[in-house]
């Protein structure tokens, strides 16, 4: 994972560490302050989201999957949001499931380009 790899990486926010966790083949291979992905698929388990709301449990049920890339975030990238209170990832209020590229920043924000439903 050092400079990026061709393997599909899954990225999600590790809130206690304040970093982005990176999984490959279901195994956490590292944590990053910031990371970019291309060919992104956004996955969120609705059943797990509802269970977390019902029980107060905190588990990983939403993540982005794609190929790690070394790309600067373009000025036109749009804010990518996930909130447990609503299903799915959202850009400007619309649910998105894919993006051409996504940037996960050190401040915990996420951005995407080419988001689609």
PDB file of N, CA and C in Angstrom:
ATOM      1  N   UNK A   1       0.821  -1.186   0.000  1.00  0.00           N
ATOM      2  CA  UNK A   1       0.000   0.000   0.000  1.00  0.00           C
ATOM      3  C   UNK A   1       0.864   1.248   0.000  1.00  0.00           C
ATOM      4  N   UNK A   2       2.140   1.146   0.083  1.00  0.00           N
ATOM      5  CA  UNK A   2       3.032   2.280   0.260  1.00  0.00           C
ATOM      6  C   UNK A   2       2.765   3.438  -0.683  1.00  0.00           C
ATOM      7  N   UNK A   3       2.850   3.259  -1.968  1.00  0.00           N
ATOM      8  CA  UNK A   3       2.624   4.371  -2.872  1.00  0.00           C
ATOM      9  C   UNK A   3       1.350   4.201  -3.655  1.00  0.00           C
ATOM     10  N   UNK A   4       0.493   3.316  -3.208  1.00  0.00           N
ATOM     11  CA  UNK A   4      -0.715   2.997  -3.956  1.00  0.00           C
ATOM     12  C   UNK A   4      -0.535   1.598  -4.516  1.00  0.00           C
ATOM     13  N   UNK A   5      -1.614   0.952  -4.832  1.00  0.00           N
ATOM     14  CA  UNK A   5      -1.517  -0.389  -5.383  1.00  0.00           C
ATOM     15  C   UNK A   5      -2.660  -0.581  -6.349  1.00  0.00           C
ATOM     16  N   UNK A   6      -2.597  -1.657  -7.099  1.00  0.00           N
ATOM     17  CA  UNK A   6      -3.677  -1.925  -8.034  1.00  0.00           C
ATOM     18  C   UNK A   6      -4.807  -2.702  -7.366  1.00  0.00           C
ATOM     19  N   UNK A   7      -4.599  -3.175  -6.135  1.00  0.00           N
ATOM     20  CA  UNK A   7      -5.641  -3.897  -5.413  1.00  0.00           C
ATOM     21  C   UNK A   7      -6.749  -2.927  -5.017  1.00  0.00           C
ATOM     22  N   UNK A   8      -7.966  -3.464  -4.936  1.00  0.00           N
ATOM     23  CA  UNK A   8      -9.079  -2.644  -4.479  1.00  0.00           C
ATOM     24  C   UNK A   8      -8.919  -2.405  -2.985  1.00  0.00           C
ATOM     25  N   UNK A   9      -8.987  -1.145  -2.610  1.00  0.00           N
ATOM     26  CA  UNK A   9      -8.896  -0.765  -1.204  1.00  0.00           C
ATOM     27  C   UNK A   9     -10.260  -0.273  -0.745  1.00  0.00           C
ATOM     28  N   UNK A  10     -10.593  -0.585   0.488  1.00  0.00           N
ATOM     29  CA  UNK A  10     -11.808  -0.076   1.106  1.00  0.00           C
ATOM     30  C   UNK A  10     -11.391   0.932   2.160  1.00  0.00           C
ATOM     31  N   UNK A  11     -12.034   2.090   2.152  1.00  0.00           N
ATOM     32  CA  UNK A  11     -11.666   3.183   3.051  1.00  0.00           C
ATOM     33  C   UNK A  11     -12.877   3.574   3.890  1.00  0.00           C
ATOM     34  N   UNK A  12     -12.648   3.742   5.186  1.00  0.00           N
ATOM     35  CA  UNK A  12     -13.692   4.231   6.083  1.00  0.00           C
ATOM     36  C   UNK A  12     -13.035   5.019   7.205  1.00  0.00           C
ATOM     37  N   UNK A  13     -13.799   5.879   7.850  1.00  0.00           N
ATOM     38  CA  UNK A  13     -13.269   6.728   8.907  1.00  0.00           C
ATOM     39  C   UNK A  13     -13.188   5.949  10.208  1.00  0.00           C
ATOM     40  N   UNK A  14     -12.007   5.953  10.802  1.00  0.00           N
ATOM     41  CA  UNK A  14     -11.805   5.361  12.122  1.00  0.00           C
ATOM     42  C   UNK A  14     -11.878   6.526  13.097  1.00  0.00           C
ATOM     43  N   UNK A  15     -13.057   6.755  13.634  1.00  0.00           N
ATOM     44  CA  UNK A  15     -13.295   7.957  14.438  1.00  0.00           C
ATOM     45  C   UNK A  15     -12.416   8.061  15.675  1.00  0.00           C
ATOM     46  N   UNK A  16     -12.213   6.979  16.462  1.00  0.00           N
ATOM     47  CA  UNK A  16     -11.362   7.127  17.650  1.00  0.00           C
ATOM     48  C   UNK A  16      -9.922   7.555  17.314  1.00  0.00           C
ATOM     49  N   UNK A  17      -9.383   7.064  16.210  1.00  0.00           N
ATOM     50  CA  UNK A  17      -8.025   7.434  15.810  1.00  0.00           C
ATOM     51  C   UNK A  17      -7.974   8.749  15.051  1.00  0.00           C
ATOM     52  N   UNK A  18      -9.103   9.160  14.489  1.00  0.00           N
ATOM     53  CA  UNK A  18      -9.126  10.368  13.670  1.00  0.00           C
ATOM     54  C   UNK A  18      -8.382  10.179  12.360  1.00  0.00           C
ATOM     55  N   UNK A  19      -8.391   8.943  11.856  1.00  0.00           N
ATOM     56  CA  UNK A  19      -7.690   8.601  10.612  1.00  0.00           C
ATOM     57  C   UNK A  19      -8.630   7.814   9.708  1.00  0.00           C
ATOM     58  N   UNK A  20      -8.205   7.617   8.475  1.00  0.00           N
ATOM     59  CA  UNK A  20      -8.933   6.765   7.537  1.00  0.00           C
ATOM     60  C   UNK A  20      -8.327   5.364   7.586  1.00  0.00           C
ATOM     61  N   UNK A  21      -9.134   4.360   7.850  1.00  0.00           N
ATOM     62  CA  UNK A  21      -8.674   2.978   7.824  1.00  0.00           C
ATOM     63  C   UNK A  21      -8.716   2.489   6.385  1.00  0.00           C
ATOM     64  N   UNK A  22      -7.721   1.673   6.026  1.00  0.00           N
ATOM     65  CA  UNK A  22      -7.624   1.130   4.672  1.00  0.00           C
ATOM     66  C   UNK A  22      -7.604  -0.384   4.785  1.00  0.00           C
ATOM     67  N   UNK A  23      -8.588  -1.022   4.133  1.00  0.00           N
ATOM     68  CA  UNK A  23      -8.670  -2.486   4.108  1.00  0.00           C
ATOM     69  C   UNK A  23      -8.376  -2.979   2.704  1.00  0.00           C
ATOM     70  N   UNK A  24      -7.714  -4.114   2.631  1.00  0.00           N
ATOM     71  CA  UNK A  24      -7.546  -4.843   1.376  1.00  0.00           C
ATOM     72  C   UNK A  24      -7.877  -6.291   1.669  1.00  0.00           C
ATOM     73  N   UNK A  25      -8.709  -6.892   0.834  1.00  0.00           N
ATOM     74  CA  UNK A  25      -9.141  -8.288   1.010  1.00  0.00           C
ATOM     75  C   UNK A  25      -9.718  -8.516   2.407  1.00  0.00           C
ATOM     76  N   UNK A  26     -10.455  -7.533   2.925  1.00  0.00           N
ATOM     77  CA  UNK A  26     -11.115  -7.669   4.214  1.00  0.00           C
ATOM     78  C   UNK A  26     -10.235  -7.444   5.421  1.00  0.00           C
ATOM     79  N   UNK A  27      -8.974  -7.109   5.216  1.00  0.00           N
ATOM     80  CA  UNK A  27      -8.031  -6.933   6.323  1.00  0.00           C
ATOM     81  C   UNK A  27      -7.505  -5.504   6.345  1.00  0.00           C
ATOM     82  N   UNK A  28      -7.500  -4.872   7.530  1.00  0.00           N
ATOM     83  CA  UNK A  28      -6.955  -3.524   7.648  1.00  0.00           C
ATOM     84  C   UNK A  28      -5.449  -3.588   7.425  1.00  0.00           C
ATOM     85  N   UNK A  29      -4.977  -2.830   6.433  1.00  0.00           N
ATOM     86  CA  UNK A  29      -3.550  -2.834   6.095  1.00  0.00           C
ATOM     87  C   UNK A  29      -2.861  -1.533   6.512  1.00  0.00           C
ATOM     88  N   UNK A  30      -3.630  -0.582   7.013  1.00  0.00           N
ATOM     89  CA  UNK A  30      -3.016   0.655   7.474  1.00  0.00           C
ATOM     90  C   UNK A  30      -4.044   1.725   7.764  1.00  0.00           C
ATOM     91  N   UNK A  31      -3.535   2.847   8.254  1.00  0.00           N
ATOM     92  CA  UNK A  31      -4.352   4.025   8.528  1.00  0.00           C
ATOM     93  C   UNK A  31      -3.658   5.216   7.902  1.00  0.00           C
ATOM     94  N   UNK A  32      -4.446   6.124   7.364  1.00  0.00           N
ATOM     95  CA  UNK A  32      -3.894   7.295   6.683  1.00  0.00           C
ATOM     96  C   UNK A  32      -4.603   8.556   7.151  1.00  0.00           C
ATOM     97  N   UNK A  33      -3.871   9.654   7.143  1.00  0.00           N
ATOM     98  CA  UNK A  33      -4.499  10.950   7.402  1.00  0.00           C
ATOM     99  C   UNK A  33      -5.393  11.322   6.232  1.00  0.00           C
ATOM    100  N   UNK A  34      -4.923  11.047   5.024  1.00  0.00           N
ATOM    101  CA  UNK A  34      -5.682  11.376   3.812  1.00  0.00           C
ATOM    102  C   UNK A  34      -5.374  10.326   2.757  1.00  0.00           C
ATOM    103  N   UNK A  35      -6.351  10.122   1.856  1.00  0.00           N
ATOM    104  CA  UNK A  35      -6.171   9.131   0.799  1.00  0.00           C
ATOM    105  C   UNK A  35      -7.132   9.455  -0.339  1.00  0.00           C
ATOM    106  N   UNK A  36      -6.747   9.117  -1.551  1.00  0.00           N
ATOM    107  CA  UNK A  36      -7.606   9.309  -2.724  1.00  0.00           C
ATOM    108  C   UNK A  36      -7.833   7.962  -3.395  1.00  0.00           C
ATOM    109  N   UNK A  37      -9.027   7.792  -3.955  1.00  0.00           N
ATOM    110  CA  UNK A  37      -9.388   6.578  -4.688  1.00  0.00           C
ATOM    111  C   UNK A  37      -9.949   6.960  -6.051  1.00  0.00           C
ATOM    112  N   UNK A  38      -9.763   6.088  -7.022  1.00  0.00           N
ATOM    113  CA  UNK A  38     -10.411   6.234  -8.331  1.00  0.00           C
ATOM    114  C   UNK A  38     -11.265   4.997  -8.593  1.00  0.00           C
ATOM    115  N   UNK A  39     -12.257   5.149  -9.487  1.00  0.00           N
ATOM    116  CA  UNK A  39     -13.166   4.036  -9.767  1.00  0.00           C
ATOM    117  C   UNK A  39     -13.912   3.622  -8.517  1.00  0.00           C
ATOM    118  N   UNK A  40     -14.540   4.573  -7.854  1.00  0.00           N
ATOM    119  CA  UNK A  40     -15.069   4.380  -6.507  1.00  0.00           C
ATOM    120  C   UNK A  40     -16.498   3.820  -6.511  1.00  0.00           C
ATOM    121  N   UNK A  41     -16.693   2.817  -5.667  1.00  0.00           N
ATOM    122  CA  UNK A  41     -18.024   2.286  -5.377  1.00  0.00           C
ATOM    123  C   UNK A  41     -18.284   2.582  -3.904  1.00  0.00           C
ATOM    124  N   UNK A  42     -19.431   3.193  -3.616  1.00  0.00           N
ATOM    125  CA  UNK A  42     -19.796   3.561  -2.246  1.00  0.00           C
ATOM    126  C   UNK A  42     -20.790   2.539  -1.721  1.00  0.00           C
ATOM    127  N   UNK A  43     -20.433   1.915  -0.623  1.00  0.00           N
ATOM    128  CA  UNK A  43     -21.263   0.843  -0.073  1.00  0.00           C
ATOM    129  C   UNK A  43     -21.733   1.218   1.338  1.00  0.00           C
ATOM    130  N   UNK A  44     -23.013   0.996   1.584  1.00  0.00           N
ATOM    131  CA  UNK A  44     -23.580   1.248   2.909  1.00  0.00           C
ATOM    132  C   UNK A  44     -24.654   0.198   3.169  1.00  0.00           C
ATOM    133  N   UNK A  45     -24.495  -0.571   4.221  1.00  0.00           N
ATOM    134  CA  UNK A  45     -25.469  -1.599   4.571  1.00  0.00           C
ATOM    135  C   UNK A  45     -26.637  -0.955   5.305  1.00  0.00           C
ATOM    136  N   UNK A  46     -27.800  -1.015   4.695  1.00  0.00           N
ATOM    137  CA  UNK A  46     -28.992  -0.433   5.313  1.00  0.00           C
ATOM    138  C   UNK A  46     -29.394  -1.214   6.565  1.00  0.00           C
ATOM    139  N   UNK A  47     -29.295  -2.536   6.528  1.00  0.00           N
ATOM    140  CA  UNK A  47     -29.648  -3.342   7.698  1.00  0.00           C
ATOM    141  C   UNK A  47     -28.733  -3.011   8.877  1.00  0.00           C
ATOM    142  N   UNK A  48     -27.441  -2.864   8.625  1.00  0.00           N
ATOM    143  CA  UNK A  48     -26.497  -2.540   9.698  1.00  0.00           C
ATOM    144  C   UNK A  48     -26.730  -1.117  10.199  1.00  0.00           C
ATOM    145  N   UNK A  49     -27.048  -0.187   9.296  1.00  0.00           N
ATOM    146  CA  UNK A  49     -27.335   1.197   9.705  1.00  0.00           C
ATOM    147  C   UNK A  49     -28.522   1.220  10.653  1.00  0.00           C
ATOM    148  N   UNK A  50     -29.584   0.511  10.293  1.00  0.00           N
ATOM    149  CA  UNK A  50     -30.769   0.473  11.148  1.00  0.00           C
ATOM    150  C   UNK A  50     -30.475  -0.203  12.484  1.00  0.00           C
ATOM    151  N   UNK A  51     -29.672  -1.268  12.467  1.00  0.00           N
ATOM    152  CA  UNK A  51     -29.288  -1.935  13.715  1.00  0.00           C
ATOM    153  C   UNK A  51     -28.509  -0.987  14.618  1.00  0.00           C
ATOM    154  N   UNK A  52     -27.575  -0.227  14.034  1.00  0.00           N
ATOM    155  CA  UNK A  52     -26.795   0.736  14.826  1.00  0.00           C
ATOM    156  C   UNK A  52     -27.694   1.810  15.423  1.00  0.00           C
ATOM    157  N   UNK A  53     -28.664   2.279  14.659  1.00  0.00           N
ATOM    158  CA  UNK A  53     -29.604   3.273  15.184  1.00  0.00           C
ATOM    159  C   UNK A  53     -30.424   2.685  16.328  1.00  0.00           C
ATOM    160  N   UNK A  54     -30.858   1.447  16.165  1.00  0.00           N
ATOM    161  CA  UNK A  54     -31.709   0.797  17.158  1.00  0.00           C
ATOM    162  C   UNK A  54     -30.950   0.470  18.445  1.00  0.00           C
ATOM    163  N   UNK A  55     -29.722  -0.038  18.322  1.00  0.00           N
ATOM    164  CA  UNK A  55     -28.992  -0.536  19.496  1.00  0.00           C
ATOM    165  C   UNK A  55     -27.939   0.427  20.027  1.00  0.00           C
ATOM    166  N   UNK A  56     -27.569   1.431  19.224  1.00  0.00           N
ATOM    167  CA  UNK A  56     -26.499   2.338  19.640  1.00  0.00           C
ATOM    168  C   UNK A  56     -25.114   1.772  19.358  1.00  0.00           C
ATOM    169  N   UNK A  57     -25.060   0.592  18.743  1.00  0.00           N
ATOM    170  CA  UNK A  57     -23.764  -0.020  18.408  1.00  0.00           C
ATOM    171  C   UNK A  57     -23.052   0.831  17.371  1.00  0.00           C
ATOM    172  N   UNK A  58     -21.734   0.731  17.350  1.00  0.00           N
ATOM    173  CA  UNK A  58     -20.940   1.429  16.348  1.00  0.00           C
ATOM    174  C   UNK A  58     -20.089   0.402  15.633  1.00  0.00           C
ATOM    175  N   UNK A  59     -20.387   0.218  14.372  1.00  0.00           N
ATOM    176  CA  UNK A  59     -19.587  -0.713  13.586  1.00  0.00           C
ATOM    177  C   UNK A  59     -19.382  -0.127  12.194  1.00  0.00           C
ATOM    178  N   UNK A  60     -18.519  -0.762  11.446  1.00  0.00           N
ATOM    179  CA  UNK A  60     -18.244  -0.305  10.083  1.00  0.00           C
ATOM    180  C   UNK A  60     -19.331  -0.866   9.174  1.00  0.00           C
ATOM    181  N   UNK A  61     -20.176   0.009   8.692  1.00  0.00           N
ATOM    182  CA  UNK A  61     -21.239  -0.436   7.799  1.00  0.00           C
ATOM    183  C   UNK A  61     -21.321   0.425   6.537  1.00  0.00           C
ATOM    184  N   UNK A  62     -20.389   1.363   6.391  1.00  0.00           N
ATOM    185  CA  UNK A  62     -20.350   2.202   5.196  1.00  0.00           C
ATOM    186  C   UNK A  62     -18.890   2.467   4.839  1.00  0.00           C
ATOM    187  N   UNK A  63     -18.547   2.284   3.563  1.00  0.00           N
ATOM    188  CA  UNK A  63     -17.176   2.498   3.130  1.00  0.00           C
ATOM    189  C   UNK A  63     -17.140   2.794   1.635  1.00  0.00           C
ATOM    190  N   UNK A  64     -15.989   3.257   1.194  1.00  0.00           N
ATOM    191  CA  UNK A  64     -15.745   3.496  -0.232  1.00  0.00           C
ATOM    192  C   UNK A  64     -14.711   2.483  -0.696  1.00  0.00           C
ATOM    193  N   UNK A  65     -14.913   1.917  -1.866  1.00  0.00           N
ATOM    194  CA  UNK A  65     -13.967   0.953  -2.430  1.00  0.00           C
ATOM    195  C   UNK A  65     -13.478   1.472  -3.774  1.00  0.00           C
ATOM    196  N   UNK A  66     -12.179   1.359  -4.002  1.00  0.00           N
ATOM    197  CA  UNK A  66     -11.608   1.798  -5.262  1.00  0.00           C
ATOM    198  C   UNK A  66     -10.115   1.548  -5.283  1.00  0.00           C
ATOM    199  N   UNK A  67      -9.469   2.086  -6.290  1.00  0.00           N
ATOM    200  CA  UNK A  67      -8.022   1.937  -6.434  1.00  0.00           C
ATOM    201  C   UNK A  67      -7.340   3.173  -5.859  1.00  0.00           C
ATOM    202  N   UNK A  68      -6.362   2.949  -4.986  1.00  0.00           N
ATOM    203  CA  UNK A  68      -5.628   4.061  -4.377  1.00  0.00           C
ATOM    204  C   UNK A  68      -4.895   4.825  -5.469  1.00  0.00           C
ATOM    205  N   UNK A  69      -4.976   6.156  -5.390  1.00  0.00           N
ATOM    206  CA  UNK A  69      -4.356   7.021  -6.400  1.00  0.00           C
ATOM    207  C   UNK A  69      -3.643   8.180  -5.716  1.00  0.00           C
ATOM    208  N   UNK A  70      -2.686   8.730  -6.419  1.00  0.00           N
ATOM    209  CA  UNK A  70      -1.959   9.899  -5.929  1.00  0.00           C
ATOM    210  C   UNK A  70      -2.430  11.098  -6.750  1.00  0.00           C
ATOM    211  N   UNK A  71      -3.608  11.608  -6.400  1.00  0.00           N
ATOM    212  CA  UNK A  71      -4.222  12.705  -7.142  1.00  0.00           C
ATOM    213  C   UNK A  71      -4.566  13.851  -6.210  1.00  0.00           C
ATOM    214  N   UNK A  72      -4.263  15.077  -6.608  1.00  0.00           N
ATOM    215  CA  UNK A  72      -4.718  16.211  -5.797  1.00  0.00           C
ATOM    216  C   UNK A  72      -6.220  16.405  -6.010  1.00  0.00           C
ATOM    217  N   UNK A  73      -6.898  16.875  -4.974  1.00  0.00           N
ATOM    218  CA  UNK A  73      -8.336  17.136  -5.098  1.00  0.00           C
ATOM    219  C   UNK A  73      -8.560  18.360  -5.975  1.00  0.00           C
ATOM    220  N   UNK A  74      -9.362  18.225  -7.039  1.00  0.00           N
ATOM    221  CA  UNK A  74      -9.617  19.365  -7.908  1.00  0.00           C
ATOM    222  C   UNK A  74     -10.562  20.367  -7.237  1.00  0.00           C
ATOM    223  N   UNK A  75     -10.487  21.579  -7.688  1.00  0.00           N
ATOM    224  CA  UNK A  75     -11.299  22.647  -7.124  1.00  0.00           C
ATOM    225  C   UNK A  75     -12.799  22.355  -7.243  1.00  0.00           C
ATOM    226  N   UNK A  76     -13.216  21.665  -8.285  1.00  0.00           N
ATOM    227  CA  UNK A  76     -14.629  21.403  -8.515  1.00  0.00           C
ATOM    228  C   UNK A  76     -15.191  20.186  -7.811  1.00  0.00           C
ATOM    229  N   UNK A  77     -14.396  19.499  -6.992  1.00  0.00           N
ATOM    230  CA  UNK A  77     -14.895  18.315  -6.283  1.00  0.00           C
ATOM    231  C   UNK A  77     -16.038  18.716  -5.351  1.00  0.00           C
ATOM    232  N   UNK A  78     -17.007  17.813  -5.208  1.00  0.00           N
ATOM    233  CA  UNK A  78     -18.169  18.098  -4.374  1.00  0.00           C
ATOM    234  C   UNK A  78     -18.107  17.300  -3.075  1.00  0.00           C
ATOM    235  N   UNK A  79     -18.659  17.866  -2.028  1.00  0.00           N
ATOM    236  CA  UNK A  79     -18.627  17.256  -0.703  1.00  0.00           C
ATOM    237  C   UNK A  79     -19.429  15.955  -0.698  1.00  0.00           C
ATOM    238  N   UNK A  80     -18.826  14.907  -0.180  1.00  0.00           N
ATOM    239  CA  UNK A  80     -19.440  13.586  -0.047  1.00  0.00           C
ATOM    240  C   UNK A  80     -19.770  13.393   1.429  1.00  0.00           C
ATOM    241  N   UNK A  81     -21.025  13.082   1.721  1.00  0.00           N
ATOM    242  CA  UNK A  81     -21.463  12.971   3.111  1.00  0.00           C
ATOM    243  C   UNK A  81     -22.047  11.599   3.401  1.00  0.00           C
ATOM    244  N   UNK A  82     -21.830  11.139   4.618  1.00  0.00           N
ATOM    245  CA  UNK A  82     -22.532   9.970   5.131  1.00  0.00           C
ATOM    246  C   UNK A  82     -22.951  10.308   6.555  1.00  0.00           C
ATOM    247  N   UNK A  83     -24.223  10.130   6.828  1.00  0.00           N
ATOM    248  CA  UNK A  83     -24.762  10.336   8.174  1.00  0.00           C
ATOM    249  C   UNK A  83     -25.599   9.125   8.513  1.00  0.00           C
ATOM    250  N   UNK A  84     -25.406   8.595   9.693  1.00  0.00           N
ATOM    251  CA  UNK A  84     -26.147   7.396  10.085  1.00  0.00           C
ATOM    252  C   UNK A  84     -27.654   7.639  10.119  1.00  0.00           C
ATOM    253  N   UNK A  85     -28.062   8.885  10.274  1.00  0.00           N
ATOM    254  CA  UNK A  85     -29.485   9.208  10.345  1.00  0.00           C
ATOM    255  C   UNK A  85     -30.215   9.040   9.014  1.00  0.00           C
ATOM    256  N   UNK A  86     -29.497   9.007   7.887  1.00  0.00           N
ATOM    257  CA  UNK A  86     -30.131   8.854   6.581  1.00  0.00           C
ATOM    258  C   UNK A  86     -29.416   7.771   5.793  1.00  0.00           C
ATOM    259  N   UNK A  87     -30.153   7.029   4.975  1.00  0.00           N
ATOM    260  CA  UNK A  87     -29.524   5.948   4.211  1.00  0.00           C
ATOM    261  C   UNK A  87     -28.625   6.480   3.095  1.00  0.00           C
ATOM    262  N   UNK A  88     -27.527   5.793   2.872  1.00  0.00           N
ATOM    263  CA  UNK A  88     -26.654   6.061   1.730  1.00  0.00           C
ATOM    264  C   UNK A  88     -25.721   7.240   1.862  1.00  0.00           C
ATOM    265  N   UNK A  89     -24.742   7.260   0.962  1.00  0.00           N
ATOM    266  CA  UNK A  89     -23.847   8.397   0.814  1.00  0.00           C
ATOM    267  C   UNK A  89     -24.581   9.450   0.001  1.00  0.00           C
ATOM    268  N   UNK A  90     -24.270  10.724   0.255  1.00  0.00           N
ATOM    269  CA  UNK A  90     -24.986  11.798  -0.431  1.00  0.00           C
ATOM    270  C   UNK A  90     -24.045  12.884  -0.931  1.00  0.00           C
ATOM    271  N   UNK A  91     -24.423  13.423  -2.081  1.00  0.00           N
ATOM    272  CA  UNK A  91     -23.771  14.609  -2.639  1.00  0.00           C
ATOM    273  C   UNK A  91     -24.896  15.587  -2.953  1.00  0.00           C
ATOM    274  N   UNK A  92     -24.837  16.739  -2.331  1.00  0.00           N
ATOM    275  CA  UNK A  92     -25.860  17.774  -2.530  1.00  0.00           C
ATOM    276  C   UNK A  92     -27.262  17.209  -2.341  1.00  0.00           C
ATOM    277  N   UNK A  93     -27.430  16.337  -1.336  1.00  0.00           N
ATOM    278  CA  UNK A  93     -28.733  15.782  -0.985  1.00  0.00           C
ATOM    279  C   UNK A  93     -29.147  14.535  -1.746  1.00  0.00           C
ATOM    280  N   UNK A  94     -28.475  14.222  -2.841  1.00  0.00           N
ATOM    281  CA  UNK A  94     -28.832  13.053  -3.650  1.00  0.00           C
ATOM    282  C   UNK A  94     -27.964  11.851  -3.267  1.00  0.00           C
ATOM    283  N   UNK A  95     -28.584  10.678  -3.195  1.00  0.00           N
ATOM    284  CA  UNK A  95     -27.846   9.447  -2.891  1.00  0.00           C
ATOM    285  C   UNK A  95     -26.936   9.110  -4.072  1.00  0.00           C
ATOM    286  N   UNK A  96     -25.679   8.784  -3.762  1.00  0.00           N
ATOM    287  CA  UNK A  96     -24.726   8.363  -4.788  1.00  0.00           C
ATOM    288  C   UNK A  96     -24.132   7.018  -4.401  1.00  0.00           C
ATOM    289  N   UNK A  97     -23.865   6.204  -5.411  1.00  0.00           N
ATOM    290  CA  UNK A  97     -23.296   4.878  -5.173  1.00  0.00           C
ATOM    291  C   UNK A  97     -21.963   4.686  -5.879  1.00  0.00           C
ATOM    292  N   UNK A  98     -21.600   5.635  -6.755  1.00  0.00           N
ATOM    293  CA  UNK A  98     -20.347   5.545  -7.507  1.00  0.00           C
ATOM    294  C   UNK A  98     -19.776   6.941  -7.695  1.00  0.00           C
ATOM    295  N   UNK A  99     -18.462   6.978  -7.905  1.00  0.00           N
ATOM    296  CA  UNK A  99     -17.792   8.230  -8.244  1.00  0.00           C
ATOM    297  C   UNK A  99     -16.552   7.901  -9.060  1.00  0.00           C
ATOM    298  N   UNK A 100     -16.196   8.805  -9.955  1.00  0.00           N
ATOM    299  CA  UNK A 100     -14.980   8.610 -10.739  1.00  0.00           C
ATOM    300  C   UNK A 100     -13.761   8.653  -9.824  1.00  0.00           C
ATOM    301  N   UNK A 101     -13.804   9.550  -8.829  1.00  0.00           N
ATOM    302  CA  UNK A 101     -12.709   9.680  -7.872  1.00  0.00           C
ATOM    303  C   UNK A 101     -13.255  10.244  -6.572  1.00  0.00           C
ATOM    304  N   UNK A 102     -12.569   9.942  -5.473  1.00  0.00           N
ATOM    305  CA  UNK A 102     -12.958  10.475  -4.167  1.00  0.00           C
ATOM    306  C   UNK A 102     -11.711  10.765  -3.352  1.00  0.00           C
ATOM    307  N   UNK A 103     -11.793  11.811  -2.548  1.00  0.00           N
ATOM    308  CA  UNK A 103     -10.689  12.240  -1.698  1.00  0.00           C
ATOM    309  C   UNK A 103     -11.175  12.246  -0.267  1.00  0.00           C
ATOM    310  N   UNK A 104     -10.406  11.632   0.606  1.00  0.00           N
ATOM    311  CA  UNK A 104     -10.713  11.531   2.018  1.00  0.00           C
ATOM    312  C   UNK A 104      -9.618  12.312   2.741  1.00  0.00           C
ATOM    313  N   UNK A 105      -9.986  13.443   3.305  1.00  0.00           N
ATOM    314  CA  UNK A 105      -9.024  14.426   3.799  1.00  0.00           C
ATOM    315  C   UNK A 105      -8.687  14.251   5.275  1.00  0.00           C
ATOM    316  N   UNK A 106      -7.579  14.864   5.691  1.00  0.00           N
ATOM    317  CA  UNK A 106      -7.102  14.774   7.066  1.00  0.00           C
ATOM    318  C   UNK A 106      -8.096  15.353   8.070  1.00  0.00           C
ATOM    319  N   UNK A 107      -8.899  16.321   7.655  1.00  0.00           N
ATOM    320  CA  UNK A 107      -9.873  16.921   8.568  1.00  0.00           C
ATOM    321  C   UNK A 107     -11.139  16.081   8.717  1.00  0.00           C
ATOM    322  N   UNK A 108     -11.188  14.908   8.067  1.00  0.00           N
ATOM    323  CA  UNK A 108     -12.342  14.023   8.162  1.00  0.00           C
ATOM    324  C   UNK A 108     -13.374  14.241   7.073  1.00  0.00           C
ATOM    325  N   UNK A 109     -13.169  15.247   6.230  1.00  0.00           N
ATOM    326  CA  UNK A 109     -14.118  15.492   5.145  1.00  0.00           C
ATOM    327  C   UNK A 109     -13.822  14.564   3.970  1.00  0.00           C
ATOM    328  N   UNK A 110     -14.855  14.351   3.153  1.00  0.00           N
ATOM    329  CA  UNK A 110     -14.713  13.525   1.955  1.00  0.00           C
ATOM    330  C   UNK A 110     -15.298  14.302   0.782  1.00  0.00           C
ATOM    331  N   UNK A 111     -14.698  14.122  -0.390  1.00  0.00           N
ATOM    332  CA  UNK A 111     -15.065  14.845  -1.589  1.00  0.00           C
ATOM    333  C   UNK A 111     -15.078  13.880  -2.745  1.00  0.00           C
ATOM    334  N   UNK A 112     -15.868  14.174  -3.768  1.00  0.00           N
ATOM    335  CA  UNK A 112     -15.867  13.291  -4.932  1.00  0.00           C
ATOM    336  C   UNK A 112     -16.055  14.079  -6.209  1.00  0.00           C
ATOM    337  N   UNK A 113     -15.738  13.397  -7.279  1.00  0.00           N
ATOM    338  CA  UNK A 113     -15.921  13.941  -8.626  1.00  0.00           C
ATOM    339  C   UNK A 113     -16.654  12.867  -9.427  1.00  0.00           C
ATOM    340  N   UNK A 114     -17.674  13.260 -10.162  1.00  0.00           N
ATOM    341  CA  UNK A 114     -18.413  12.300 -10.981  1.00  0.00           C
ATOM    342  C   UNK A 114     -19.304  11.393 -10.183  1.00  0.00           C
ATOM    343  N   UNK A 115     -19.892  11.883  -9.085  1.00  0.00           N
ATOM    344  CA  UNK A 115     -20.798  11.070  -8.261  1.00  0.00           C
ATOM    345  C   UNK A 115     -22.084  10.777  -9.011  1.00  0.00           C
ATOM    346  N   UNK A 116     -22.532   9.516  -8.942  1.00  0.00           N
ATOM    347  CA  UNK A 116     -23.782   9.130  -9.598  1.00  0.00           C
ATOM    348  C   UNK A 116     -24.541   8.133  -8.747  1.00  0.00           C
ATOM    349  N   UNK A 117     -25.831   8.057  -8.962  1.00  0.00           N
ATOM    350  CA  UNK A 117     -26.717   7.199  -8.176  1.00  0.00           C
ATOM    351  C   UNK A 117     -26.800   5.795  -8.637  1.00  0.00           C
TER     352      UNK A 117
END
